[in-house]
């Protein structure tokens, strides 16, 4: 007679998934880290081997300044990361450069405003 509980459990799980994720926010932690919810990341751009720009779905942008140059990052044009919590956090995660297998540590996230055209 355990079958009736399965649909209830499935509904409870689906109801929990339907909740709206929270927008990116600054997390007050000992190392003043900022975490971005991966759901809200629209795309990234890589101006150089030490900078990644995260464009968010709401139009805001965050700059991550890597603590050291990440060879091949701009040339390869991409990276990947693994996360268990659907967040990308400053000073706490590594990225892996595509087609190169080199790993680099993320640095600090700061709000970014594109330079105004003159």
Protein backbone atom coordinates (compact mmCIF):
# COMPACT_ATOMS: atom_id res chain seq x y z
CA UNK A 1 0.00 0.00 0.00
CA UNK A 2 2.96 2.34 -0.46
CA UNK A 3 1.90 3.41 -3.97
CA UNK A 4 -0.40 6.31 -2.89
CA UNK A 5 2.54 7.98 -1.12
CA UNK A 6 4.62 8.10 -4.31
CA UNK A 7 2.37 10.63 -6.15
CA UNK A 8 2.28 12.81 -3.02
CA UNK A 9 6.07 12.70 -2.75
CA UNK A 10 6.43 13.51 -6.46
CA UNK A 11 4.02 16.46 -6.11
CA UNK A 12 5.93 17.77 -3.10
CA UNK A 13 9.20 17.59 -5.04
CA UNK A 14 7.68 19.34 -8.07
CA UNK A 15 6.14 22.03 -5.90
CA UNK A 16 9.56 22.68 -4.35
CA UNK A 17 11.15 22.97 -7.81
CA UNK A 18 8.52 25.46 -8.95
CA UNK A 19 9.62 28.04 -6.39
CA UNK A 20 11.35 31.04 -7.93
CA UNK A 21 15.10 31.15 -7.30
CA UNK A 22 16.45 34.11 -5.42
CA UNK A 23 18.24 36.87 -7.38
CA UNK A 24 22.02 37.28 -7.14
CA UNK A 25 22.97 38.62 -3.79
CA UNK A 26 25.95 39.47 -1.72
CA UNK A 27 26.53 36.93 0.98
CA UNK A 28 27.93 38.17 4.26
CA UNK A 29 30.62 35.64 5.02
CA UNK A 30 33.97 35.72 6.73
CA UNK A 31 35.75 36.27 3.40
CA UNK A 32 33.09 38.72 2.09
CA UNK A 33 32.28 36.44 -0.80
CA UNK A 34 29.67 37.17 -3.43
CA UNK A 35 27.72 34.27 -4.91
CA UNK A 36 25.78 34.41 -8.16
CA UNK A 37 22.87 32.05 -8.68
CA UNK A 38 23.63 30.12 -11.88
CA UNK A 39 19.97 30.34 -12.94
CA UNK A 40 20.34 34.11 -13.34
CA UNK A 41 23.55 34.02 -15.41
CA UNK A 42 22.66 34.82 -19.03
CA UNK A 43 26.14 34.65 -20.53
CA UNK A 44 29.79 35.41 -19.88
CA UNK A 45 32.48 37.27 -21.79
CA UNK A 46 36.24 37.10 -21.35
CA UNK A 47 38.14 40.30 -22.18
CA UNK A 48 41.51 38.93 -21.03
CA UNK A 49 43.14 36.04 -19.15
CA UNK A 50 42.43 37.66 -15.78
CA UNK A 51 38.83 38.92 -16.17
CA UNK A 52 35.44 37.29 -16.66
CA UNK A 53 32.26 39.35 -17.07
CA UNK A 54 29.03 37.67 -15.97
CA UNK A 55 25.93 39.16 -17.65
CA UNK A 56 22.81 38.46 -15.66
CA UNK A 57 19.27 37.94 -16.93
CA UNK A 58 18.13 41.17 -15.23
CA UNK A 59 20.67 43.22 -17.21
CA UNK A 60 23.22 43.69 -14.42
CA UNK A 61 26.82 42.64 -14.83
CA UNK A 62 29.43 41.30 -12.41
CA UNK A 63 33.16 41.29 -13.00
CA UNK A 64 35.31 38.54 -11.60
CA UNK A 65 38.95 39.53 -11.26
CA UNK A 66 41.00 36.35 -11.07
CA UNK A 67 43.86 36.51 -8.54
CA UNK A 68 46.33 35.39 -11.21
CA UNK A 69 46.41 35.22 -14.98
CA UNK A 70 44.69 32.11 -16.33
CA UNK A 71 46.67 31.13 -19.47
CA UNK A 72 44.51 30.46 -22.50
CA UNK A 73 41.27 31.69 -20.95
CA UNK A 74 40.65 34.53 -23.45
CA UNK A 75 42.11 32.61 -26.42
CA UNK A 76 40.01 29.47 -25.82
CA UNK A 77 36.96 31.67 -25.24
CA UNK A 78 35.36 29.62 -22.55
CA UNK A 79 35.49 27.77 -19.29
CA UNK A 80 33.45 25.40 -17.21
CA UNK A 81 32.88 24.92 -13.52
CA UNK A 82 31.20 22.44 -11.25
CA UNK A 83 28.92 23.49 -8.45
CA UNK A 84 26.72 21.62 -6.01
CA UNK A 85 24.64 24.56 -4.86
CA UNK A 86 23.66 26.31 -8.14
CA UNK A 87 25.93 29.19 -7.22
CA UNK A 88 29.25 30.55 -8.43
CA UNK A 89 31.10 32.12 -5.50
CA UNK A 90 34.06 34.48 -5.38
CA UNK A 91 37.35 33.27 -3.97
CA UNK A 92 35.92 29.79 -3.44
CA UNK A 93 35.73 27.97 -6.77
CA UNK A 94 37.94 26.97 -9.62
CA UNK A 95 37.17 27.07 -13.31
CA UNK A 96 38.61 24.82 -16.02
CA UNK A 97 39.66 26.37 -19.33
CA UNK A 98 38.00 24.59 -22.25
CA UNK A 99 40.19 22.39 -24.47
CA UNK A 100 43.16 23.02 -22.21
CA UNK A 101 42.36 21.32 -18.90
CA UNK A 102 44.08 24.06 -16.86
CA UNK A 103 42.37 25.14 -13.66
CA UNK A 104 42.26 28.64 -12.23
CA UNK A 105 40.76 30.10 -9.04
CA UNK A 106 37.99 32.66 -9.27
CA UNK A 107 38.70 35.97 -7.58
CA UNK A 108 36.50 38.75 -6.25
CA UNK A 109 33.15 39.64 -7.82
CA UNK A 110 32.38 43.34 -8.17
CA UNK A 111 29.44 45.07 -9.85
CA UNK A 112 30.41 46.11 -13.38
CA UNK A 113 29.23 49.00 -15.53
CA UNK A 114 30.37 49.05 -19.15
CA UNK A 115 32.36 52.16 -20.10
CA UNK A 116 30.17 54.77 -21.76
CA UNK A 117 30.79 55.39 -25.46
CA UNK A 118 32.00 58.90 -26.26
